[in-house]
Amino acid sequence: MKLSSFAWGLGVGMVAGVVVDMVAFPLPKARKNAVDRTMQRVGSAVDSAIDDVSHIIP
């Protein structure tokens, strides 16, 4: 695989992601709230996993 084809594919993927994001969340506030909720869920999941592991390992 050539570096140029990789860079082209990477660029196309980034543009496609931005387009999907703008279609799914047209208002910036909606995008920010969705990111906030996702980060809160990920943080809760990590806290829960660390708590579970800390109970298993003495």
N, C-alpha and C. Protein backbone atom coordinates (compact mmCIF):
# COMPACT_ATOMS: atom_id res chain seq x y z
N MET A 1 0.86 -1.17 0.00
CA MET A 1 0.00 0.00 0.00
C MET A 1 0.90 1.23 0.00
N LYS A 2 0.56 2.17 -0.85
CA LYS A 2 1.33 3.40 -0.93
C LYS A 2 0.90 4.37 0.15
N LEU A 3 1.82 5.21 0.55
CA LEU A 3 1.52 6.21 1.56
C LEU A 3 0.47 7.19 1.06
N SER A 4 0.50 7.52 -0.22
CA SER A 4 -0.47 8.47 -0.77
C SER A 4 -1.89 7.90 -0.73
N SER A 5 -2.05 6.61 -1.03
CA SER A 5 -3.39 6.02 -0.97
C SER A 5 -3.87 5.92 0.47
N PHE A 6 -2.97 5.67 1.40
CA PHE A 6 -3.33 5.65 2.81
C PHE A 6 -3.79 7.03 3.27
N ALA A 7 -3.03 8.06 2.91
CA ALA A 7 -3.39 9.43 3.29
C ALA A 7 -4.71 9.84 2.66
N TRP A 8 -4.93 9.44 1.41
CA TRP A 8 -6.18 9.77 0.73
C TRP A 8 -7.35 9.09 1.45
N GLY A 9 -7.20 7.83 1.78
CA GLY A 9 -8.25 7.10 2.49
C GLY A 9 -8.51 7.68 3.87
N LEU A 10 -7.46 8.09 4.54
CA LEU A 10 -7.60 8.71 5.86
C LEU A 10 -8.37 10.02 5.75
N GLY A 11 -8.04 10.80 4.74
CA GLY A 11 -8.74 12.07 4.52
C GLY A 11 -10.21 11.87 4.20
N VAL A 12 -10.51 10.90 3.35
CA VAL A 12 -11.90 10.60 3.00
C VAL A 12 -12.67 10.14 4.23
N GLY A 13 -12.05 9.32 5.05
CA GLY A 13 -12.71 8.86 6.27
C GLY A 13 -12.99 9.98 7.25
N MET A 14 -12.06 10.91 7.36
CA MET A 14 -12.27 12.06 8.26
C MET A 14 -13.40 12.94 7.76
N VAL A 15 -13.43 13.19 6.45
CA VAL A 15 -14.50 14.01 5.88
C VAL A 15 -15.85 13.32 6.07
N ALA A 16 -15.89 12.01 5.84
CA ALA A 16 -17.13 11.27 6.02
C ALA A 16 -17.60 11.33 7.47
N GLY A 17 -16.68 11.24 8.41
CA GLY A 17 -17.04 11.34 9.82
C GLY A 17 -17.60 12.70 10.19
N VAL A 18 -17.01 13.75 9.65
CA VAL A 18 -17.51 15.10 9.92
C VAL A 18 -18.91 15.27 9.34
N VAL A 19 -19.12 14.76 8.11
CA VAL A 19 -20.44 14.87 7.48
C VAL A 19 -21.49 14.13 8.30
N VAL A 20 -21.19 12.92 8.73
CA VAL A 20 -22.13 12.14 9.53
C VAL A 20 -22.42 12.86 10.85
N ASP A 21 -21.39 13.43 11.47
CA ASP A 21 -21.58 14.16 12.71
C ASP A 21 -22.48 15.37 12.51
N MET A 22 -22.27 16.10 11.44
CA MET A 22 -23.08 17.30 11.21
C MET A 22 -24.52 16.94 10.83
N VAL A 23 -24.72 15.81 10.17
CA VAL A 23 -26.09 15.38 9.84
C VAL A 23 -26.79 14.89 11.11
N ALA A 24 -26.10 14.14 11.93
CA ALA A 24 -26.71 13.59 13.14
C ALA A 24 -26.99 14.68 14.18
N PHE A 25 -26.08 15.62 14.31
CA PHE A 25 -26.22 16.69 15.30
C PHE A 25 -26.01 18.04 14.62
N PRO A 26 -27.07 18.62 14.03
CA PRO A 26 -26.90 19.85 13.26
C PRO A 26 -26.52 21.07 14.11
N LEU A 27 -26.93 21.11 15.36
CA LEU A 27 -26.61 22.26 16.20
C LEU A 27 -25.39 21.96 17.06
N PRO A 28 -24.48 22.93 17.20
CA PRO A 28 -23.29 22.70 18.02
C PRO A 28 -23.62 22.32 19.46
N LYS A 29 -24.68 22.89 20.03
CA LYS A 29 -25.04 22.57 21.40
C LYS A 29 -25.43 21.09 21.53
N ALA A 30 -26.16 20.58 20.54
CA ALA A 30 -26.55 19.17 20.57
C ALA A 30 -25.31 18.28 20.50
N ARG A 31 -24.33 18.67 19.67
CA ARG A 31 -23.10 17.89 19.59
C ARG A 31 -22.36 17.91 20.91
N LYS A 32 -22.28 19.08 21.54
CA LYS A 32 -21.58 19.19 22.81
C LYS A 32 -22.26 18.35 23.88
N ASN A 33 -23.60 18.39 23.93
CA ASN A 33 -24.32 17.60 24.93
C ASN A 33 -24.12 16.11 24.69
N ALA A 34 -24.10 15.69 23.43
CA ALA A 34 -23.89 14.27 23.13
C ALA A 34 -22.49 13.84 23.56
N VAL A 35 -21.50 14.69 23.33
CA VAL A 35 -20.13 14.37 23.74
C VAL A 35 -20.05 14.33 25.26
N ASP A 36 -20.69 15.27 25.93
CA ASP A 36 -20.69 15.28 27.40
C ASP A 36 -21.30 14.00 27.96
N ARG A 37 -22.43 13.59 27.41
CA ARG A 37 -23.08 12.35 27.88
C ARG A 37 -22.20 11.14 27.64
N THR A 38 -21.58 11.09 26.47
CA THR A 38 -20.70 9.96 26.16
C THR A 38 -19.50 9.92 27.09
N MET A 39 -18.89 11.06 27.34
CA MET A 39 -17.75 11.10 28.25
C MET A 39 -18.15 10.71 29.66
N GLN A 40 -19.34 11.11 30.09
CA GLN A 40 -19.82 10.73 31.41
C GLN A 40 -20.02 9.22 31.50
N ARG A 41 -20.59 8.63 30.45
CA ARG A 41 -20.79 7.17 30.44
C ARG A 41 -19.47 6.42 30.45
N VAL A 42 -18.51 6.90 29.66
CA VAL A 42 -17.19 6.25 29.62
C VAL A 42 -16.51 6.38 30.97
N GLY A 43 -16.60 7.54 31.58
CA GLY A 43 -16.00 7.72 32.90
C GLY A 43 -16.62 6.81 33.95
N SER A 44 -17.93 6.67 33.90
CA SER A 44 -18.62 5.78 34.84
C SER A 44 -18.21 4.33 34.61
N ALA A 45 -18.08 3.94 33.35
CA ALA A 45 -17.69 2.56 33.04
C ALA A 45 -16.27 2.29 33.52
N VAL A 46 -15.37 3.23 33.33
CA VAL A 46 -13.98 3.05 33.78
C VAL A 46 -13.94 2.98 35.31
N ASP A 47 -14.68 3.86 35.98
CA ASP A 47 -14.72 3.81 37.45
C ASP A 47 -15.25 2.48 37.95
N SER A 48 -16.29 1.98 37.32
CA SER A 48 -16.86 0.70 37.70
C SER A 48 -15.87 -0.44 37.47
N ALA A 49 -15.18 -0.40 36.35
CA ALA A 49 -14.21 -1.46 36.05
C ALA A 49 -13.06 -1.43 37.04
N ILE A 50 -12.57 -0.25 37.37
CA ILE A 50 -11.48 -0.14 38.34
C ILE A 50 -11.94 -0.62 39.71
N ASP A 51 -13.16 -0.28 40.07
CA ASP A 51 -13.69 -0.73 41.36
C ASP A 51 -13.80 -2.25 41.39
N ASP A 52 -14.28 -2.86 40.30
CA ASP A 52 -14.40 -4.33 40.25
C ASP A 52 -13.02 -5.00 40.32
N VAL A 53 -12.05 -4.46 39.62
CA VAL A 53 -10.72 -5.04 39.62
C VAL A 53 -10.06 -4.88 40.99
N SER A 54 -10.30 -3.75 41.65
CA SER A 54 -9.68 -3.54 42.94
C SER A 54 -10.25 -4.49 44.00
N HIS A 55 -11.47 -4.95 43.81
CA HIS A 55 -12.03 -5.93 44.75
C HIS A 55 -11.47 -7.32 44.50
N ILE A 56 -11.10 -7.61 43.26
CA ILE A 56 -10.57 -8.93 42.92
C ILE A 56 -9.12 -9.05 43.36
N ILE A 57 -8.34 -7.99 43.13
CA ILE A 57 -6.92 -8.03 43.48
C ILE A 57 -6.75 -7.52 44.92
N PRO A 58 -6.18 -8.35 45.78
CA PRO A 58 -6.04 -7.94 47.19
C PRO A 58 -4.97 -6.91 47.40
